[in-house]
Amino acid sequence: MAYLRKEDEIVEIDYSLDKVWVAILKTLERLEWTVEETDQIKHYIKAKTKGGFMSYPSLLIIKAVAVNKKITRCKIEAETPVTTITTLADFGRTRERINLFFVVLKNQLTNKKNS
């Protein structure tokens, strides 16, 4: 039996929408996650993570919206297929992938700021 394990997170980032959008694209490239769909105007991306031993890849939907000129709201919705066999090995993996995305995104934004 299979089902989807879903997680989501909303984070406000102290950078402009343009800077965050570029950093999101670079983050996905750095993580080597596959971009399946992109809408540059709506700042929307659908990406797929890599799978692992005994785990399926997660599907991420990333949306960025300007709160004001200096703050961007980034929302990630993630879902990972899980079976009775992979449920224990995959426990928490979806949340880990979201957290990994935000860590690498932060590094991308910080590196830009320091250069």
PDB file of N, CA and C in Angstrom:
ATOM      1  N   MET A   1       0.846  -1.182   0.000  1.00  0.00           N
ATOM      2  CA  MET A   1       0.000   0.000   0.000  1.00  0.00           C
ATOM      3  C   MET A   1       0.892   1.246   0.000  1.00  0.00           C
ATOM      4  N   ALA A   2       0.540   2.220  -0.810  1.00  0.00           N
ATOM      5  CA  ALA A   2       1.323   3.454  -0.917  1.00  0.00           C
ATOM      6  C   ALA A   2       0.449   4.661  -0.587  1.00  0.00           C
ATOM      7  N   TYR A   3       1.093   5.685  -0.075  1.00  0.00           N
ATOM      8  CA  TYR A   3       0.411   6.949   0.196  1.00  0.00           C
ATOM      9  C   TYR A   3       1.432   8.069   0.074  1.00  0.00           C
ATOM     10  N   LEU A   4       0.990   9.325   0.154  1.00  0.00           N
ATOM     11  CA  LEU A   4       1.886  10.476   0.069  1.00  0.00           C
ATOM     12  C   LEU A   4       2.073  11.084   1.447  1.00  0.00           C
ATOM     13  N   ARG A   5       3.321  11.302   1.805  1.00  0.00           N
ATOM     14  CA  ARG A   5       3.633  12.011   3.045  1.00  0.00           C
ATOM     15  C   ARG A   5       3.854  13.467   2.656  1.00  0.00           C
ATOM     16  N   LYS A   6       3.062  14.373   3.235  1.00  0.00           N
ATOM     17  CA  LYS A   6       3.109  15.792   2.848  1.00  0.00           C
ATOM     18  C   LYS A   6       3.632  16.653   3.991  1.00  0.00           C
ATOM     19  N   GLU A   7       4.402  17.657   3.612  1.00  0.00           N
ATOM     20  CA  GLU A   7       4.939  18.652   4.539  1.00  0.00           C
ATOM     21  C   GLU A   7       4.891  20.004   3.834  1.00  0.00           C
ATOM     22  N   ASP A   8       4.847  21.082   4.588  1.00  0.00           N
ATOM     23  CA  ASP A   8       4.979  22.400   3.984  1.00  0.00           C
ATOM     24  C   ASP A   8       5.633  23.360   4.972  1.00  0.00           C
ATOM     25  N   GLU A   9       6.138  24.438   4.426  1.00  0.00           N
ATOM     26  CA  GLU A   9       6.821  25.440   5.251  1.00  0.00           C
ATOM     27  C   GLU A   9       6.727  26.785   4.551  1.00  0.00           C
ATOM     28  N   ILE A  10       6.520  27.834   5.343  1.00  0.00           N
ATOM     29  CA  ILE A  10       6.522  29.198   4.831  1.00  0.00           C
ATOM     30  C   ILE A  10       7.581  29.975   5.611  1.00  0.00           C
ATOM     31  N   VAL A  11       8.461  30.640   4.868  1.00  0.00           N
ATOM     32  CA  VAL A  11       9.553  31.396   5.477  1.00  0.00           C
ATOM     33  C   VAL A  11       9.602  32.787   4.861  1.00  0.00           C
ATOM     34  N   GLU A  12       9.796  33.797   5.688  1.00  0.00           N
ATOM     35  CA  GLU A  12      10.011  35.145   5.180  1.00  0.00           C
ATOM     36  C   GLU A  12      11.503  35.423   5.192  1.00  0.00           C
ATOM     37  N   ILE A  13      12.001  35.920   4.061  1.00  0.00           N
ATOM     38  CA  ILE A  13      13.430  36.111   3.850  1.00  0.00           C
ATOM     39  C   ILE A  13      13.698  37.596   3.640  1.00  0.00           C
ATOM     40  N   ASP A  14      14.726  38.110   4.292  1.00  0.00           N
ATOM     41  CA  ASP A  14      15.052  39.538   4.239  1.00  0.00           C
ATOM     42  C   ASP A  14      15.870  39.900   2.998  1.00  0.00           C
ATOM     43  N   TYR A  15      15.371  39.528   1.843  1.00  0.00           N
ATOM     44  CA  TYR A  15      15.971  39.881   0.554  1.00  0.00           C
ATOM     45  C   TYR A  15      14.844  40.147  -0.429  1.00  0.00           C
ATOM     46  N   SER A  16      15.148  40.893  -1.466  1.00  0.00           N
ATOM     47  CA  SER A  16      14.146  41.199  -2.486  1.00  0.00           C
ATOM     48  C   SER A  16      13.754  39.938  -3.252  1.00  0.00           C
ATOM     49  N   LEU A  17      12.593  39.989  -3.866  1.00  0.00           N
ATOM     50  CA  LEU A  17      12.086  38.850  -4.632  1.00  0.00           C
ATOM     51  C   LEU A  17      13.055  38.451  -5.742  1.00  0.00           C
ATOM     52  N   ASP A  18      13.627  39.433  -6.442  1.00  0.00           N
ATOM     53  CA  ASP A  18      14.556  39.122  -7.533  1.00  0.00           C
ATOM     54  C   ASP A  18      15.765  38.342  -7.034  1.00  0.00           C
ATOM     55  N   LYS A  19      16.347  38.760  -5.921  1.00  0.00           N
ATOM     56  CA  LYS A  19      17.517  38.075  -5.369  1.00  0.00           C
ATOM     57  C   LYS A  19      17.159  36.669  -4.889  1.00  0.00           C
ATOM     58  N   VAL A  20      16.018  36.538  -4.252  1.00  0.00           N
ATOM     59  CA  VAL A  20      15.596  35.225  -3.753  1.00  0.00           C
ATOM     60  C   VAL A  20      15.316  34.288  -4.919  1.00  0.00           C
ATOM     61  N   TRP A  21      14.677  34.789  -5.966  1.00  0.00           N
ATOM     62  CA  TRP A  21      14.356  33.954  -7.124  1.00  0.00           C
ATOM     63  C   TRP A  21      15.626  33.390  -7.765  1.00  0.00           C
ATOM     64  N   VAL A  22      16.619  34.234  -7.976  1.00  0.00           N
ATOM     65  CA  VAL A  22      17.892  33.779  -8.547  1.00  0.00           C
ATOM     66  C   VAL A  22      18.551  32.762  -7.619  1.00  0.00           C
ATOM     67  N   ALA A  23      18.499  33.018  -6.322  1.00  0.00           N
ATOM     68  CA  ALA A  23      19.099  32.099  -5.346  1.00  0.00           C
ATOM     69  C   ALA A  23      18.360  30.757  -5.318  1.00  0.00           C
ATOM     70  N   ILE A  24      17.046  30.769  -5.502  1.00  0.00           N
ATOM     71  CA  ILE A  24      16.276  29.519  -5.551  1.00  0.00           C
ATOM     72  C   ILE A  24      16.749  28.665  -6.725  1.00  0.00           C
ATOM     73  N   LEU A  25      16.891  29.284  -7.884  1.00  0.00           N
ATOM     74  CA  LEU A  25      17.346  28.547  -9.070  1.00  0.00           C
ATOM     75  C   LEU A  25      18.738  27.964  -8.861  1.00  0.00           C
ATOM     76  N   LYS A  26      19.629  28.751  -8.265  1.00  0.00           N
ATOM     77  CA  LYS A  26      20.986  28.278  -8.001  1.00  0.00           C
ATOM     78  C   LYS A  26      20.995  27.181  -6.935  1.00  0.00           C
ATOM     79  N   THR A  27      20.100  27.286  -5.970  1.00  0.00           N
ATOM     80  CA  THR A  27      19.995  26.267  -4.918  1.00  0.00           C
ATOM     81  C   THR A  27      19.601  24.919  -5.519  1.00  0.00           C
ATOM     82  N   LEU A  28      18.598  24.927  -6.383  1.00  0.00           N
ATOM     83  CA  LEU A  28      18.167  23.685  -7.020  1.00  0.00           C
ATOM     84  C   LEU A  28      19.276  23.092  -7.883  1.00  0.00           C
ATOM     85  N   GLU A  29      20.006  23.965  -8.560  1.00  0.00           N
ATOM     86  CA  GLU A  29      21.132  23.505  -9.378  1.00  0.00           C
ATOM     87  C   GLU A  29      22.220  22.891  -8.498  1.00  0.00           C
ATOM     88  N   ARG A  30      22.526  23.548  -7.416  1.00  0.00           N
ATOM     89  CA  ARG A  30      23.569  23.054  -6.501  1.00  0.00           C
ATOM     90  C   ARG A  30      23.176  21.717  -5.877  1.00  0.00           C
ATOM     91  N   LEU A  31      21.910  21.573  -5.531  1.00  0.00           N
ATOM     92  CA  LEU A  31      21.427  20.315  -4.940  1.00  0.00           C
ATOM     93  C   LEU A  31      21.256  19.209  -5.989  1.00  0.00           C
ATOM     94  N   GLU A  32      21.326  19.614  -7.269  1.00  0.00           N
ATOM     95  CA  GLU A  32      21.141  18.696  -8.386  1.00  0.00           C
ATOM     96  C   GLU A  32      19.759  18.053  -8.368  1.00  0.00           C
ATOM     97  N   TRP A  33      18.764  18.874  -7.991  1.00  0.00           N
ATOM     98  CA  TRP A  33      17.380  18.442  -8.042  1.00  0.00           C
ATOM     99  C   TRP A  33      16.816  18.846  -9.392  1.00  0.00           C
ATOM    100  N   THR A  34      15.941  18.037  -9.945  1.00  0.00           N
ATOM    101  CA  THR A  34      15.401  18.236 -11.281  1.00  0.00           C
ATOM    102  C   THR A  34      14.260  19.249 -11.273  1.00  0.00           C
ATOM    103  N   VAL A  35      14.383  20.286 -12.092  1.00  0.00           N
ATOM    104  CA  VAL A  35      13.306  21.271 -12.240  1.00  0.00           C
ATOM    105  C   VAL A  35      12.362  20.739 -13.312  1.00  0.00           C
ATOM    106  N   GLU A  36      11.119  20.501 -12.933  1.00  0.00           N
ATOM    107  CA  GLU A  36      10.133  19.951 -13.864  1.00  0.00           C
ATOM    108  C   GLU A  36       9.268  21.028 -14.507  1.00  0.00           C
ATOM    109  N   GLU A  37       9.071  22.127 -13.792  1.00  0.00           N
ATOM    110  CA  GLU A  37       8.201  23.194 -14.301  1.00  0.00           C
ATOM    111  C   GLU A  37       8.623  24.511 -13.655  1.00  0.00           C
ATOM    112  N   THR A  38       8.654  25.575 -14.450  1.00  0.00           N
ATOM    113  CA  THR A  38       9.026  26.891 -13.940  1.00  0.00           C
ATOM    114  C   THR A  38       8.107  27.952 -14.534  1.00  0.00           C
ATOM    115  N   ASP A  39       7.696  28.879 -13.714  1.00  0.00           N
ATOM    116  CA  ASP A  39       6.959  30.048 -14.178  1.00  0.00           C
ATOM    117  C   ASP A  39       7.677  31.276 -13.615  1.00  0.00           C
ATOM    118  N   GLN A  40       8.468  31.929 -14.462  1.00  0.00           N
ATOM    119  CA  GLN A  40       9.269  33.077 -14.042  1.00  0.00           C
ATOM    120  C   GLN A  40       8.395  34.258 -13.604  1.00  0.00           C
ATOM    121  N   ILE A  41       7.230  34.399 -14.203  1.00  0.00           N
ATOM    122  CA  ILE A  41       6.354  35.532 -13.889  1.00  0.00           C
ATOM    123  C   ILE A  41       5.687  35.347 -12.520  1.00  0.00           C
ATOM    124  N   LYS A  42       5.194  34.135 -12.261  1.00  0.00           N
ATOM    125  CA  LYS A  42       4.521  33.851 -10.986  1.00  0.00           C
ATOM    126  C   LYS A  42       5.491  33.417  -9.890  1.00  0.00           C
ATOM    127  N   HIS A  43       6.768  33.265 -10.240  1.00  0.00           N
ATOM    128  CA  HIS A  43       7.795  32.810  -9.294  1.00  0.00           C
ATOM    129  C   HIS A  43       7.383  31.483  -8.660  1.00  0.00           C
ATOM    130  N   TYR A  44       7.185  30.521  -9.540  1.00  0.00           N
ATOM    131  CA  TYR A  44       6.708  29.188  -9.172  1.00  0.00           C
ATOM    132  C   TYR A  44       7.639  28.148  -9.792  1.00  0.00           C
ATOM    133  N   ILE A  45       8.007  27.144  -9.014  1.00  0.00           N
ATOM    134  CA  ILE A  45       8.845  26.054  -9.523  1.00  0.00           C
ATOM    135  C   ILE A  45       8.325  24.739  -8.967  1.00  0.00           C
ATOM    136  N   LYS A  46       8.297  23.752  -9.827  1.00  0.00           N
ATOM    137  CA  LYS A  46       8.032  22.384  -9.401  1.00  0.00           C
ATOM    138  C   LYS A  46       9.334  21.621  -9.627  1.00  0.00           C
ATOM    139  N   ALA A  47       9.866  21.018  -8.572  1.00  0.00           N
ATOM    140  CA  ALA A  47      11.150  20.322  -8.661  1.00  0.00           C
ATOM    141  C   ALA A  47      11.048  18.963  -7.987  1.00  0.00           C
ATOM    142  N   LYS A  48      11.929  18.066  -8.402  1.00  0.00           N
ATOM    143  CA  LYS A  48      11.968  16.724  -7.827  1.00  0.00           C
ATOM    144  C   LYS A  48      13.353  16.481  -7.237  1.00  0.00           C
ATOM    145  N   THR A  49      13.377  16.003  -5.997  1.00  0.00           N
ATOM    146  CA  THR A  49      14.635  15.692  -5.333  1.00  0.00           C
ATOM    147  C   THR A  49      15.153  14.346  -5.836  1.00  0.00           C
ATOM    148  N   LYS A  50      16.343  14.028  -5.439  1.00  0.00           N
ATOM    149  CA  LYS A  50      16.880  12.699  -5.737  1.00  0.00           C
ATOM    150  C   LYS A  50      16.305  11.721  -4.712  1.00  0.00           C
ATOM    151  N   GLY A  51      16.106  10.500  -5.138  1.00  0.00           N
ATOM    152  CA  GLY A  51      15.697   9.461  -4.213  1.00  0.00           C
ATOM    153  C   GLY A  51      16.924   8.922  -3.499  1.00  0.00           C
ATOM    154  N   GLY A  52      16.713   8.076  -2.561  1.00  0.00           N
ATOM    155  CA  GLY A  52      17.811   7.458  -1.830  1.00  0.00           C
ATOM    156  C   GLY A  52      17.556   5.980  -1.671  1.00  0.00           C
ATOM    157  N   PHE A  53      18.444   5.335  -0.973  1.00  0.00           N
ATOM    158  CA  PHE A  53      18.250   3.923  -0.700  1.00  0.00           C
ATOM    159  C   PHE A  53      16.984   3.768   0.133  1.00  0.00           C
ATOM    160  N   MET A  54      16.080   2.985  -0.346  1.00  0.00           N
ATOM    161  CA  MET A  54      14.804   2.734   0.338  1.00  0.00           C
ATOM    162  C   MET A  54      13.943   3.996   0.490  1.00  0.00           C
ATOM    163  N   SER A  55      14.105   4.975  -0.402  1.00  0.00           N
ATOM    164  CA  SER A  55      13.217   6.136  -0.346  1.00  0.00           C
ATOM    165  C   SER A  55      12.993   6.675  -1.758  1.00  0.00           C
ATOM    166  N   TYR A  56      11.813   7.192  -1.955  1.00  0.00           N
ATOM    167  CA  TYR A  56      11.445   7.784  -3.227  1.00  0.00           C
ATOM    168  C   TYR A  56      11.821   9.261  -3.244  1.00  0.00           C
ATOM    169  N   PRO A  57      11.958   9.857  -4.436  1.00  0.00           N
ATOM    170  CA  PRO A  57      12.197  11.301  -4.489  1.00  0.00           C
ATOM    171  C   PRO A  57      10.957  12.070  -4.032  1.00  0.00           C
ATOM    172  N   SER A  58      11.178  13.259  -3.532  1.00  0.00           N
ATOM    173  CA  SER A  58      10.080  14.145  -3.133  1.00  0.00           C
ATOM    174  C   SER A  58       9.789  15.110  -4.270  1.00  0.00           C
ATOM    175  N   LEU A  59       8.540  15.507  -4.373  1.00  0.00           N
ATOM    176  CA  LEU A  59       8.130  16.543  -5.312  1.00  0.00           C
ATOM    177  C   LEU A  59       7.940  17.822  -4.509  1.00  0.00           C
ATOM    178  N   LEU A  60       8.632  18.884  -4.915  1.00  0.00           N
ATOM    179  CA  LEU A  60       8.550  20.163  -4.214  1.00  0.00           C
ATOM    180  C   LEU A  60       7.872  21.194  -5.098  1.00  0.00           C
ATOM    181  N   ILE A  61       6.971  21.945  -4.511  1.00  0.00           N
ATOM    182  CA  ILE A  61       6.372  23.091  -5.190  1.00  0.00           C
ATOM    183  C   ILE A  61       6.815  24.318  -4.403  1.00  0.00           C
ATOM    184  N   ILE A  62       7.561  25.186  -5.077  1.00  0.00           N
ATOM    185  CA  ILE A  62       8.157  26.357  -4.440  1.00  0.00           C
ATOM    186  C   ILE A  62       7.513  27.606  -5.031  1.00  0.00           C
ATOM    187  N   LYS A  63       7.007  28.460  -4.150  1.00  0.00           N
ATOM    188  CA  LYS A  63       6.380  29.714  -4.585  1.00  0.00           C
ATOM    189  C   LYS A  63       7.023  30.869  -3.814  1.00  0.00           C
ATOM    190  N   ALA A  64       7.395  31.903  -4.526  1.00  0.00           N
ATOM    191  CA  ALA A  64       7.979  33.085  -3.892  1.00  0.00           C
ATOM    192  C   ALA A  64       7.096  34.294  -4.197  1.00  0.00           C
ATOM    193  N   VAL A  65       6.875  35.119  -3.173  1.00  0.00           N
ATOM    194  CA  VAL A  65       6.024  36.304  -3.303  1.00  0.00           C
ATOM    195  C   VAL A  65       6.678  37.448  -2.542  1.00  0.00           C
ATOM    196  N   ALA A  66       6.678  38.621  -3.137  1.00  0.00           N
ATOM    197  CA  ALA A  66       7.226  39.798  -2.461  1.00  0.00           C
ATOM    198  C   ALA A  66       6.250  40.274  -1.394  1.00  0.00           C
ATOM    199  N   VAL A  67       6.744  40.435  -0.181  1.00  0.00           N
ATOM    200  CA  VAL A  67       5.959  41.035   0.889  1.00  0.00           C
ATOM    201  C   VAL A  67       6.081  42.553   0.755  1.00  0.00           C
ATOM    202  N   ASN A  68       7.305  42.998   0.533  1.00  0.00           N
ATOM    203  CA  ASN A  68       7.602  44.392   0.197  1.00  0.00           C
ATOM    204  C   ASN A  68       8.918  44.384  -0.583  1.00  0.00           C
ATOM    205  N   LYS A  69       9.544  45.549  -0.755  1.00  0.00           N
ATOM    206  CA  LYS A  69      10.761  45.610  -1.583  1.00  0.00           C
ATOM    207  C   LYS A  69      11.926  44.820  -1.002  1.00  0.00           C
ATOM    208  N   LYS A  70      11.936  44.623   0.299  1.00  0.00           N
ATOM    209  CA  LYS A  70      13.077  43.990   0.956  1.00  0.00           C
ATOM    210  C   LYS A  70      12.782  42.627   1.568  1.00  0.00           C
ATOM    211  N   ILE A  71      11.544  42.189   1.538  1.00  0.00           N
ATOM    212  CA  ILE A  71      11.176  40.906   2.167  1.00  0.00           C
ATOM    213  C   ILE A  71      10.402  40.047   1.171  1.00  0.00           C
ATOM    214  N   THR A  72      10.774  38.771   1.116  1.00  0.00           N
ATOM    215  CA  THR A  72      10.123  37.795   0.241  1.00  0.00           C
ATOM    216  C   THR A  72       9.587  36.649   1.083  1.00  0.00           C
ATOM    217  N   ARG A  73       8.384  36.218   0.767  1.00  0.00           N
ATOM    218  CA  ARG A  73       7.799  35.050   1.419  1.00  0.00           C
ATOM    219  C   ARG A  73       7.983  33.859   0.487  1.00  0.00           C
ATOM    220  N   CYS A  74       8.581  32.808   1.000  1.00  0.00           N
ATOM    221  CA  CYS A  74       8.840  31.601   0.225  1.00  0.00           C
ATOM    222  C   CYS A  74       8.065  30.448   0.856  1.00  0.00           C
ATOM    223  N   LYS A  75       7.227  29.808   0.044  1.00  0.00           N
ATOM    224  CA  LYS A  75       6.434  28.682   0.521  1.00  0.00           C
ATOM    225  C   LYS A  75       6.856  27.422  -0.229  1.00  0.00           C
ATOM    226  N   ILE A  76       7.070  26.340   0.515  1.00  0.00           N
ATOM    227  CA  ILE A  76       7.385  25.057  -0.092  1.00  0.00           C
ATOM    228  C   ILE A  76       6.350  24.043   0.367  1.00  0.00           C
ATOM    229  N   GLU A  77       5.792  23.347  -0.612  1.00  0.00           N
ATOM    230  CA  GLU A  77       4.923  22.206  -0.346  1.00  0.00           C
ATOM    231  C   GLU A  77       5.656  20.987  -0.891  1.00  0.00           C
ATOM    232  N   ALA A  78       5.821  19.963  -0.076  1.00  0.00           N
ATOM    233  CA  ALA A  78       6.561  18.775  -0.499  1.00  0.00           C
ATOM    234  C   ALA A  78       5.718  17.538  -0.241  1.00  0.00           C
ATOM    235  N   GLU A  79       5.843  16.588  -1.154  1.00  0.00           N
ATOM    236  CA  GLU A  79       5.174  15.302  -0.951  1.00  0.00           C
ATOM    237  C   GLU A  79       6.096  14.184  -1.425  1.00  0.00           C
ATOM    238  N   THR A  80       6.099  13.117  -0.656  1.00  0.00           N
ATOM    239  CA  THR A  80       6.945  11.973  -0.942  1.00  0.00           C
ATOM    240  C   THR A  80       6.092  10.718  -0.915  1.00  0.00           C
ATOM    241  N   PRO A  81       6.149   9.904  -1.979  1.00  0.00           N
ATOM    242  CA  PRO A  81       5.434   8.634  -1.942  1.00  0.00           C
ATOM    243  C   PRO A  81       6.090   7.700  -0.926  1.00  0.00           C
ATOM    244  N   VAL A  82       5.267   7.027  -0.159  1.00  0.00           N
ATOM    245  CA  VAL A  82       5.759   6.110   0.867  1.00  0.00           C
ATOM    246  C   VAL A  82       4.973   4.808   0.757  1.00  0.00           C
ATOM    247  N   THR A  83       5.670   3.706   0.899  1.00  0.00           N
ATOM    248  CA  THR A  83       5.010   2.399   0.929  1.00  0.00           C
ATOM    249  C   THR A  83       5.215   1.789   2.305  1.00  0.00           C
ATOM    250  N   THR A  84       4.543   0.712   2.570  1.00  0.00           N
ATOM    251  CA  THR A  84       4.711   0.052   3.867  1.00  0.00           C
ATOM    252  C   THR A  84       6.151  -0.407   4.069  1.00  0.00           C
ATOM    253  N   ILE A  85       6.840  -0.699   2.994  1.00  0.00           N
ATOM    254  CA  ILE A  85       8.235  -1.141   3.090  1.00  0.00           C
ATOM    255  C   ILE A  85       9.161   0.039   3.389  1.00  0.00           C
ATOM    256  N   THR A  86       8.916   1.198   2.779  1.00  0.00           N
ATOM    257  CA  THR A  86       9.820   2.342   2.927  1.00  0.00           C
ATOM    258  C   THR A  86       9.427   3.298   4.052  1.00  0.00           C
ATOM    259  N   THR A  87       8.306   3.066   4.713  1.00  0.00           N
ATOM    260  CA  THR A  87       7.795   4.035   5.688  1.00  0.00           C
ATOM    261  C   THR A  87       8.773   4.328   6.821  1.00  0.00           C
ATOM    262  N   LEU A  88       9.444   3.335   7.360  1.00  0.00           N
ATOM    263  CA  LEU A  88      10.389   3.577   8.455  1.00  0.00           C
ATOM    264  C   LEU A  88      11.672   4.228   7.956  1.00  0.00           C
ATOM    265  N   ALA A  89      12.193   3.767   6.822  1.00  0.00           N
ATOM    266  CA  ALA A  89      13.424   4.332   6.270  1.00  0.00           C
ATOM    267  C   ALA A  89      13.210   5.774   5.832  1.00  0.00           C
ATOM    268  N   ASP A  90      11.992   6.114   5.441  1.00  0.00           N
ATOM    269  CA  ASP A  90      11.692   7.440   4.907  1.00  0.00           C
ATOM    270  C   ASP A  90      11.161   8.405   5.955  1.00  0.00           C
ATOM    271  N   PHE A  91      10.945   7.951   7.178  1.00  0.00           N
ATOM    272  CA  PHE A  91      10.344   8.808   8.194  1.00  0.00           C
ATOM    273  C   PHE A  91      11.172  10.076   8.390  1.00  0.00           C
ATOM    274  N   GLY A  92      10.572  11.237   8.166  1.00  0.00           N
ATOM    275  CA  GLY A  92      11.234  12.515   8.346  1.00  0.00           C
ATOM    276  C   GLY A  92      12.034  12.996   7.140  1.00  0.00           C
ATOM    277  N   ARG A  93      12.126  12.190   6.108  1.00  0.00           N
ATOM    278  CA  ARG A  93      12.943  12.551   4.951  1.00  0.00           C
ATOM    279  C   ARG A  93      12.372  13.765   4.220  1.00  0.00           C
ATOM    280  N   THR A  94      11.072  13.873   4.119  1.00  0.00           N
ATOM    281  CA  THR A  94      10.452  15.010   3.436  1.00  0.00           C
ATOM    282  C   THR A  94      10.817  16.315   4.157  1.00  0.00           C
ATOM    283  N   ARG A  95      10.715  16.315   5.471  1.00  0.00           N
ATOM    284  CA  ARG A  95      11.075  17.491   6.274  1.00  0.00           C
ATOM    285  C   ARG A  95      12.568  17.804   6.128  1.00  0.00           C
ATOM    286  N   GLU A  96      13.414  16.778   6.118  1.00  0.00           N
ATOM    287  CA  GLU A  96      14.861  16.976   5.936  1.00  0.00           C
ATOM    288  C   GLU A  96      15.160  17.649   4.597  1.00  0.00           C
ATOM    289  N   ARG A  97      14.447  17.260   3.562  1.00  0.00           N
ATOM    290  CA  ARG A  97      14.674  17.841   2.238  1.00  0.00           C
ATOM    291  C   ARG A  97      14.262  19.313   2.202  1.00  0.00           C
ATOM    292  N   ILE A  98      13.176  19.654   2.863  1.00  0.00           N
ATOM    293  CA  ILE A  98      12.763  21.060   2.950  1.00  0.00           C
ATOM    294  C   ILE A  98      13.826  21.858   3.711  1.00  0.00           C
ATOM    295  N   ASN A  99      14.271  21.326   4.837  1.00  0.00           N
ATOM    296  CA  ASN A  99      15.291  22.013   5.628  1.00  0.00           C
ATOM    297  C   ASN A  99      16.587  22.171   4.850  1.00  0.00           C
ATOM    298  N   LEU A 100      16.986  21.130   4.115  1.00  0.00           N
ATOM    299  CA  LEU A 100      18.196  21.200   3.300  1.00  0.00           C
ATOM    300  C   LEU A 100      18.067  22.305   2.256  1.00  0.00           C
ATOM    301  N   PHE A 101      16.911  22.402   1.628  1.00  0.00           N
ATOM    302  CA  PHE A 101      16.684  23.453   0.638  1.00  0.00           C
ATOM    303  C   PHE A 101      16.918  24.830   1.256  1.00  0.00           C
ATOM    304  N   PHE A 102      16.339  25.079   2.433  1.00  0.00           N
ATOM    305  CA  PHE A 102      16.470  26.394   3.050  1.00  0.00           C
ATOM    306  C   PHE A 102      17.903  26.673   3.527  1.00  0.00           C
ATOM    307  N   VAL A 103      18.627  25.657   3.958  1.00  0.00           N
ATOM    308  CA  VAL A 103      20.029  25.852   4.352  1.00  0.00           C
ATOM    309  C   VAL A 103      20.859  26.261   3.146  1.00  0.00           C
ATOM    310  N   VAL A 104      20.696  25.555   2.036  1.00  0.00           N
ATOM    311  CA  VAL A 104      21.462  25.875   0.832  1.00  0.00           C
ATOM    312  C   VAL A 104      21.030  27.228   0.270  1.00  0.00           C
ATOM    313  N   LEU A 105      19.732  27.541   0.330  1.00  0.00           N
ATOM    314  CA  LEU A 105      19.246  28.856  -0.109  1.00  0.00           C
ATOM    315  C   LEU A 105      19.882  29.965   0.723  1.00  0.00           C
ATOM    316  N   LYS A 106      19.931  29.778   2.016  1.00  0.00           N
ATOM    317  CA  LYS A 106      20.563  30.771   2.895  1.00  0.00           C
ATOM    318  C   LYS A 106      22.031  30.961   2.510  1.00  0.00           C
ATOM    319  N   ASN A 107      22.725  29.859   2.245  1.00  0.00           N
ATOM    320  CA  ASN A 107      24.131  29.955   1.840  1.00  0.00           C
ATOM    321  C   ASN A 107      24.285  30.716   0.532  1.00  0.00           C
ATOM    322  N   GLN A 108      23.381  30.481  -0.402  1.00  0.00           N
ATOM    323  CA  GLN A 108      23.425  31.204  -1.680  1.00  0.00           C
ATOM    324  C   GLN A 108      23.236  32.706  -1.453  1.00  0.00           C
ATOM    325  N   LEU A 109      22.284  33.069  -0.620  1.00  0.00           N
ATOM    326  CA  LEU A 109      22.021  34.488  -0.354  1.00  0.00           C
ATOM    327  C   LEU A 109      23.159  35.126   0.444  1.00  0.00           C
ATOM    328  N   THR A 110      23.707  34.427   1.386  1.00  0.00           N
ATOM    329  CA  THR A 110      24.803  34.950   2.198  1.00  0.00           C
ATOM    330  C   THR A 110      26.059  35.137   1.371  1.00  0.00           C
ATOM    331  N   ASN A 111      26.362  34.192   0.508  1.00  0.00           N
ATOM    332  CA  ASN A 111      27.545  34.314  -0.358  1.00  0.00           C
ATOM    333  C   ASN A 111      27.439  35.522  -1.265  1.00  0.00           C
ATOM    334  N   LYS A 112      26.248  35.784  -1.798  1.00  0.00           N
ATOM    335  CA  LYS A 112      26.045  36.952  -2.658  1.00  0.00           C
ATOM    336  C   LYS A 112      26.283  38.230  -1.872  1.00  0.00           C
ATOM    337  N   LYS A 113      25.805  38.233  -0.645  1.00  0.00           N
ATOM    338  CA  LYS A 113      25.917  39.435   0.186  1.00  0.00           C
ATOM    339  C   LYS A 113      27.382  39.731   0.512  1.00  0.00           C
ATOM    340  N   ASN A 114      28.160  38.683   0.751  1.00  0.00           N
ATOM    341  CA  ASN A 114      29.559  38.861   1.144  1.00  0.00           C
ATOM    342  C   ASN A 114      30.489  39.117  -0.034  1.00  0.00           C
ATOM    343  N   SER A 115      30.039  38.866  -1.265  1.00  0.00           N
ATOM    344  CA  SER A 115      30.945  39.053  -2.411  1.00  0.00           C
ATOM    345  C   SER A 115      30.863  40.430  -3.008  1.00  0.00           C
TER     346      SER A 115
END
